[in-house]
Amino acid sequence: MQRTENAFKRLLAGLSGMSILVVFGVVFAGSISRYLFSSPLQWSEEVAKYAMIYGCMFGVAYAYLQGTQITFSIVIDTVSAHLRRRIAILVDAATLVLGGILVHAGLIFATKRGGIVASGLGIEMFWAQIAIMIGGGCLVIAAVLRIISFFMAGLGEGEDA
């Protein structure tokens, strides 16, 4: 199971990194084209914007799997380890549900408004808007992996669950 989780983490990290690389590369190319050659790349802002959205979606799932997402640690640090484990499983279940909601909402959004053509790229907005659905799917997979890992490690290791 750990191998699957590590492979998914590497995939998310790679996709996040590639997204950021695209953002920086496109913004750099657009700046060079605009200021050195007085010929702006009309599509560069849209590509950078969409790459940033995808990068955020992959990065959220990656941070969640790493345990580096934003938390209320001031509250969590004050409770017992047993209660902390219970809270963690509740957070994982909530993340699973919210990821599912994102998948559903993203699919509805992309299918209803996805036929609009992006002005700079000339492609249907569907390809930009499914980022919400993909990000939700990544969160669902991450939550499932964490829940499985949690139960494989044992609910309480000697405690009554």
C-alpha atoms as a PDB file:
ATOM      1  CA  MET A   1       0.000   0.000   0.000  1.00  0.00           C
ATOM      2  CA  GLN A   2       2.855   2.353   0.831  1.00  0.00           C
ATOM      3  CA  ARG A   3       4.261   1.857  -2.671  1.00  0.00           C
ATOM      4  CA  THR A   4       0.953   2.919  -4.216  1.00  0.00           C
ATOM      5  CA  GLU A   5       0.777   5.995  -2.006  1.00  0.00           C
ATOM      6  CA  ASN A   6       4.382   6.922  -2.789  1.00  0.00           C
ATOM      7  CA  ALA A   7       3.773   6.465  -6.527  1.00  0.00           C
ATOM      8  CA  PHE A   8       0.700   8.711  -6.324  1.00  0.00           C
ATOM      9  CA  LYS A   9       2.682  11.303  -4.361  1.00  0.00           C
ATOM     10  CA  ARG A  10       5.400  11.261  -7.028  1.00  0.00           C
ATOM     11  CA  LEU A  11       2.781  11.620  -9.768  1.00  0.00           C
ATOM     12  CA  LEU A  12       1.157  14.591  -8.007  1.00  0.00           C
ATOM     13  CA  ALA A  13       4.529  16.199  -7.298  1.00  0.00           C
ATOM     14  CA  GLY A  14       5.569  15.746 -10.925  1.00  0.00           C
ATOM     15  CA  LEU A  15       2.324  17.153 -12.277  1.00  0.00           C
ATOM     16  CA  SER A  16       2.478  20.105  -9.866  1.00  0.00           C
ATOM     17  CA  GLY A  17       6.079  20.760 -10.823  1.00  0.00           C
ATOM     18  CA  MET A  18       5.324  20.530 -14.537  1.00  0.00           C
ATOM     19  CA  SER A  19       2.442  22.966 -14.097  1.00  0.00           C
ATOM     20  CA  ILE A  20       4.673  25.493 -12.358  1.00  0.00           C
ATOM     21  CA  LEU A  21       7.352  24.976 -15.014  1.00  0.00           C
ATOM     22  CA  VAL A  22       4.763  25.721 -17.709  1.00  0.00           C
ATOM     23  CA  VAL A  23       3.611  28.840 -15.820  1.00  0.00           C
ATOM     24  CA  PHE A  24       7.133  30.220 -15.511  1.00  0.00           C
ATOM     25  CA  GLY A  25       8.132  29.216 -19.035  1.00  0.00           C
ATOM     26  CA  VAL A  26       5.070  30.752 -20.663  1.00  0.00           C
ATOM     27  CA  VAL A  27       5.233  33.955 -18.603  1.00  0.00           C
ATOM     28  CA  PHE A  28       8.949  34.271 -19.415  1.00  0.00           C
ATOM     29  CA  ALA A  29       8.367  33.653 -23.129  1.00  0.00           C
ATOM     30  CA  GLY A  30       5.450  36.097 -23.138  1.00  0.00           C
ATOM     31  CA  SER A  31       7.543  38.764 -21.407  1.00  0.00           C
ATOM     32  CA  ILE A  32      10.467  38.303 -23.797  1.00  0.00           C
ATOM     33  CA  SER A  33       8.153  38.416 -26.797  1.00  0.00           C
ATOM     34  CA  ARG A  34       6.291  41.482 -25.541  1.00  0.00           C
ATOM     35  CA  TYR A  35       9.203  43.608 -24.342  1.00  0.00           C
ATOM     36  CA  LEU A  36      12.049  42.601 -26.657  1.00  0.00           C
ATOM     37  CA  PHE A  37      10.157  42.003 -29.879  1.00  0.00           C
ATOM     38  CA  SER A  38       7.021  44.142 -29.303  1.00  0.00           C
ATOM     39  CA  SER A  39       4.945  41.143 -30.299  1.00  0.00           C
ATOM     40  CA  PRO A  40       2.918  39.777 -27.365  1.00  0.00           C
ATOM     41  CA  LEU A  41       1.914  36.130 -27.314  1.00  0.00           C
ATOM     42  CA  GLN A  42      -1.866  36.370 -27.165  1.00  0.00           C
ATOM     43  CA  TRP A  43      -2.254  32.896 -25.725  1.00  0.00           C
ATOM     44  CA  SER A  44       0.409  33.107 -23.005  1.00  0.00           C
ATOM     45  CA  GLU A  45      -1.769  34.551 -20.240  1.00  0.00           C
ATOM     46  CA  GLU A  46      -4.444  31.896 -20.706  1.00  0.00           C
ATOM     47  CA  VAL A  47      -1.947  29.038 -20.745  1.00  0.00           C
ATOM     48  CA  ALA A  48      -0.271  30.377 -17.595  1.00  0.00           C
ATOM     49  CA  LYS A  49      -3.628  30.805 -15.857  1.00  0.00           C
ATOM     50  CA  TYR A  50      -4.814  27.283 -16.685  1.00  0.00           C
ATOM     51  CA  ALA A  51      -1.468  25.726 -15.784  1.00  0.00           C
ATOM     52  CA  MET A  52      -1.645  27.526 -12.434  1.00  0.00           C
ATOM     53  CA  ILE A  53      -5.138  26.162 -11.780  1.00  0.00           C
ATOM     54  CA  TYR A  54      -4.063  22.610 -12.608  1.00  0.00           C
ATOM     55  CA  GLY A  55      -0.930  23.021 -10.489  1.00  0.00           C
ATOM     56  CA  CYS A  56      -3.034  24.144  -7.532  1.00  0.00           C
ATOM     57  CA  MET A  57      -5.358  21.179  -7.911  1.00  0.00           C
ATOM     58  CA  PHE A  58      -2.488  18.694  -8.007  1.00  0.00           C
ATOM     59  CA  GLY A  59      -0.680  20.557  -5.217  1.00  0.00           C
ATOM     60  CA  VAL A  60      -3.675  20.454  -2.868  1.00  0.00           C
ATOM     61  CA  ALA A  61      -3.877  16.667  -3.101  1.00  0.00           C
ATOM     62  CA  TYR A  62      -0.098  16.374  -2.731  1.00  0.00           C
ATOM     63  CA  ALA A  63      -0.033  18.589   0.372  1.00  0.00           C
ATOM     64  CA  TYR A  64      -2.901  16.604   1.859  1.00  0.00           C
ATOM     65  CA  LEU A  65      -1.111  13.285   1.289  1.00  0.00           C
ATOM     66  CA  GLN A  66       2.094  14.702   2.768  1.00  0.00           C
ATOM     67  CA  GLY A  67       0.195  16.028   5.784  1.00  0.00           C
ATOM     68  CA  THR A  68       1.417  19.555   5.053  1.00  0.00           C
ATOM     69  CA  GLN A  69      -1.989  21.097   4.382  1.00  0.00           C
ATOM     70  CA  ILE A  70      -3.217  23.945   6.545  1.00  0.00           C
ATOM     71  CA  THR A  71      -4.518  22.653   9.876  1.00  0.00           C
ATOM     72  CA  PHE A  72      -5.661  24.036  13.196  1.00  0.00           C
ATOM     73  CA  SER A  73      -2.633  22.638  14.960  1.00  0.00           C
ATOM     74  CA  ILE A  74      -3.195  24.828  18.011  1.00  0.00           C
ATOM     75  CA  VAL A  75      -6.339  22.780  18.663  1.00  0.00           C
ATOM     76  CA  ILE A  76      -5.015  19.411  17.497  1.00  0.00           C
ATOM     77  CA  ASP A  77      -1.855  19.685  19.619  1.00  0.00           C
ATOM     78  CA  THR A  78      -3.908  20.084  22.807  1.00  0.00           C
ATOM     79  CA  VAL A  79      -5.806  16.786  22.545  1.00  0.00           C
ATOM     80  CA  SER A  80      -4.675  13.255  23.326  1.00  0.00           C
ATOM     81  CA  ALA A  81      -3.072  11.038  20.674  1.00  0.00           C
ATOM     82  CA  HIS A  82      -6.147   8.800  20.708  1.00  0.00           C
ATOM     83  CA  LEU A  83      -8.474  11.724  19.976  1.00  0.00           C
ATOM     84  CA  ARG A  84      -6.008  13.052  17.389  1.00  0.00           C
ATOM     85  CA  ARG A  85      -6.282   9.753  15.482  1.00  0.00           C
ATOM     86  CA  ARG A  86     -10.080   9.958  15.608  1.00  0.00           C
ATOM     87  CA  ILE A  87     -10.017  13.520  14.312  1.00  0.00           C
ATOM     88  CA  ALA A  88      -7.641  12.457  11.526  1.00  0.00           C
ATOM     89  CA  ILE A  89     -10.067   9.800  10.286  1.00  0.00           C
ATOM     90  CA  LEU A  90     -12.908  12.351  10.376  1.00  0.00           C
ATOM     91  CA  VAL A  91     -10.792  14.771   8.337  1.00  0.00           C
ATOM     92  CA  ASP A  92     -10.008  12.002   5.851  1.00  0.00           C
ATOM     93  CA  ALA A  93     -13.703  11.115   5.535  1.00  0.00           C
ATOM     94  CA  ALA A  94     -14.623  14.786   5.076  1.00  0.00           C
ATOM     95  CA  THR A  95     -11.902  15.147   2.438  1.00  0.00           C
ATOM     96  CA  LEU A  96     -13.273  12.106   0.619  1.00  0.00           C
ATOM     97  CA  VAL A  97     -16.772  13.612   0.582  1.00  0.00           C
ATOM     98  CA  LEU A  98     -15.564  17.072  -0.438  1.00  0.00           C
ATOM     99  CA  GLY A  99     -13.411  15.589  -3.195  1.00  0.00           C
ATOM    100  CA  GLY A 100     -16.474  13.765  -4.485  1.00  0.00           C
ATOM    101  CA  ILE A 101     -18.451  17.003  -4.414  1.00  0.00           C
ATOM    102  CA  LEU A 102     -15.682  18.710  -6.396  1.00  0.00           C
ATOM    103  CA  VAL A 103     -15.760  15.923  -8.988  1.00  0.00           C
ATOM    104  CA  HIS A 104     -19.524  16.243  -9.340  1.00  0.00           C
ATOM    105  CA  ALA A 105     -19.584  20.059  -9.378  1.00  0.00           C
ATOM    106  CA  GLY A 106     -16.609  20.248 -11.736  1.00  0.00           C
ATOM    107  CA  LEU A 107     -18.240  17.876 -14.182  1.00  0.00           C
ATOM    108  CA  ILE A 108     -21.490  19.867 -14.144  1.00  0.00           C
ATOM    109  CA  PHE A 109     -19.608  23.144 -14.556  1.00  0.00           C
ATOM    110  CA  ALA A 110     -17.470  21.846 -17.415  1.00  0.00           C
ATOM    111  CA  THR A 111     -20.354  20.277 -19.305  1.00  0.00           C
ATOM    112  CA  LYS A 112     -22.646  23.311 -18.969  1.00  0.00           C
ATOM    113  CA  ARG A 113     -20.062  25.984 -19.787  1.00  0.00           C
ATOM    114  CA  GLY A 114     -17.353  23.939 -21.474  1.00  0.00           C
ATOM    115  CA  GLY A 115     -18.480  24.772 -24.999  1.00  0.00           C
ATOM    116  CA  ILE A 116     -17.363  28.388 -24.675  1.00  0.00           C
ATOM    117  CA  VAL A 117     -14.216  28.995 -26.723  1.00  0.00           C
ATOM    118  CA  ALA A 118     -11.207  30.574 -25.009  1.00  0.00           C
ATOM    119  CA  SER A 119     -10.347  33.827 -26.748  1.00  0.00           C
ATOM    120  CA  GLY A 120      -6.558  33.480 -26.612  1.00  0.00           C
ATOM    121  CA  LEU A 121      -6.153  29.768 -27.263  1.00  0.00           C
ATOM    122  CA  GLY A 122      -9.171  29.056 -29.413  1.00  0.00           C
ATOM    123  CA  ILE A 123      -9.938  25.821 -27.524  1.00  0.00           C
ATOM    124  CA  GLU A 124     -13.100  24.919 -25.670  1.00  0.00           C
ATOM    125  CA  MET A 125     -13.079  25.993 -22.033  1.00  0.00           C
ATOM    126  CA  PHE A 126     -13.969  22.419 -21.086  1.00  0.00           C
ATOM    127  CA  TRP A 127     -10.251  21.588 -21.001  1.00  0.00           C
ATOM    128  CA  ALA A 128      -9.575  24.327 -18.474  1.00  0.00           C
ATOM    129  CA  GLN A 129     -12.702  23.733 -16.436  1.00  0.00           C
ATOM    130  CA  ILE A 130     -12.225  20.006 -15.880  1.00  0.00           C
ATOM    131  CA  ALA A 131      -9.342  20.950 -13.590  1.00  0.00           C
ATOM    132  CA  ILE A 132     -11.930  21.168 -10.802  1.00  0.00           C
ATOM    133  CA  MET A 133     -13.079  17.631 -11.504  1.00  0.00           C
ATOM    134  CA  ILE A 134      -9.521  16.316 -11.802  1.00  0.00           C
ATOM    135  CA  GLY A 135      -8.504  18.039  -8.566  1.00  0.00           C
ATOM    136  CA  GLY A 136     -11.511  16.546  -6.778  1.00  0.00           C
ATOM    137  CA  GLY A 137     -10.613  13.127  -8.164  1.00  0.00           C
ATOM    138  CA  CYS A 138      -7.054  13.506  -6.878  1.00  0.00           C
ATOM    139  CA  LEU A 139      -8.427  14.407  -3.430  1.00  0.00           C
ATOM    140  CA  VAL A 140     -10.712  11.356  -3.476  1.00  0.00           C
ATOM    141  CA  ILE A 141      -7.805   9.069  -4.341  1.00  0.00           C
ATOM    142  CA  ALA A 142      -5.607  10.696  -1.681  1.00  0.00           C
ATOM    143  CA  ALA A 143      -8.322  10.362   0.979  1.00  0.00           C
ATOM    144  CA  VAL A 144      -8.917   6.711   0.092  1.00  0.00           C
ATOM    145  CA  LEU A 145      -5.184   6.020   0.336  1.00  0.00           C
ATOM    146  CA  ARG A 146      -4.979   7.725   3.736  1.00  0.00           C
ATOM    147  CA  ILE A 147      -8.047   5.904   5.061  1.00  0.00           C
ATOM    148  CA  ILE A 148      -6.703   2.543   3.913  1.00  0.00           C
ATOM    149  CA  SER A 149      -3.307   3.318   5.460  1.00  0.00           C
ATOM    150  CA  PHE A 150      -5.010   4.356   8.677  1.00  0.00           C
ATOM    151  CA  PHE A 151      -6.926   1.092   8.962  1.00  0.00           C
ATOM    152  CA  MET A 152      -3.958  -1.019   7.904  1.00  0.00           C
ATOM    153  CA  ALA A 153      -1.897   0.561  10.680  1.00  0.00           C
ATOM    154  CA  GLY A 154      -4.657  -0.317  13.148  1.00  0.00           C
ATOM    155  CA  LEU A 155      -7.230   1.961  14.684  1.00  0.00           C
ATOM    156  CA  GLY A 156      -5.657   2.124  18.063  1.00  0.00           C
ATOM    157  CA  GLU A 157      -2.944  -0.479  18.335  1.00  0.00           C
ATOM    158  CA  GLY A 158      -4.184  -2.144  21.462  1.00  0.00           C
ATOM    159  CA  GLU A 159      -6.990   0.308  22.203  1.00  0.00           C
ATOM    160  CA  ASP A 160     -10.672  -0.429  21.821  1.00  0.00           C
ATOM    161  CA  ALA A 161     -11.934   1.160  18.637  1.00  0.00           C
END
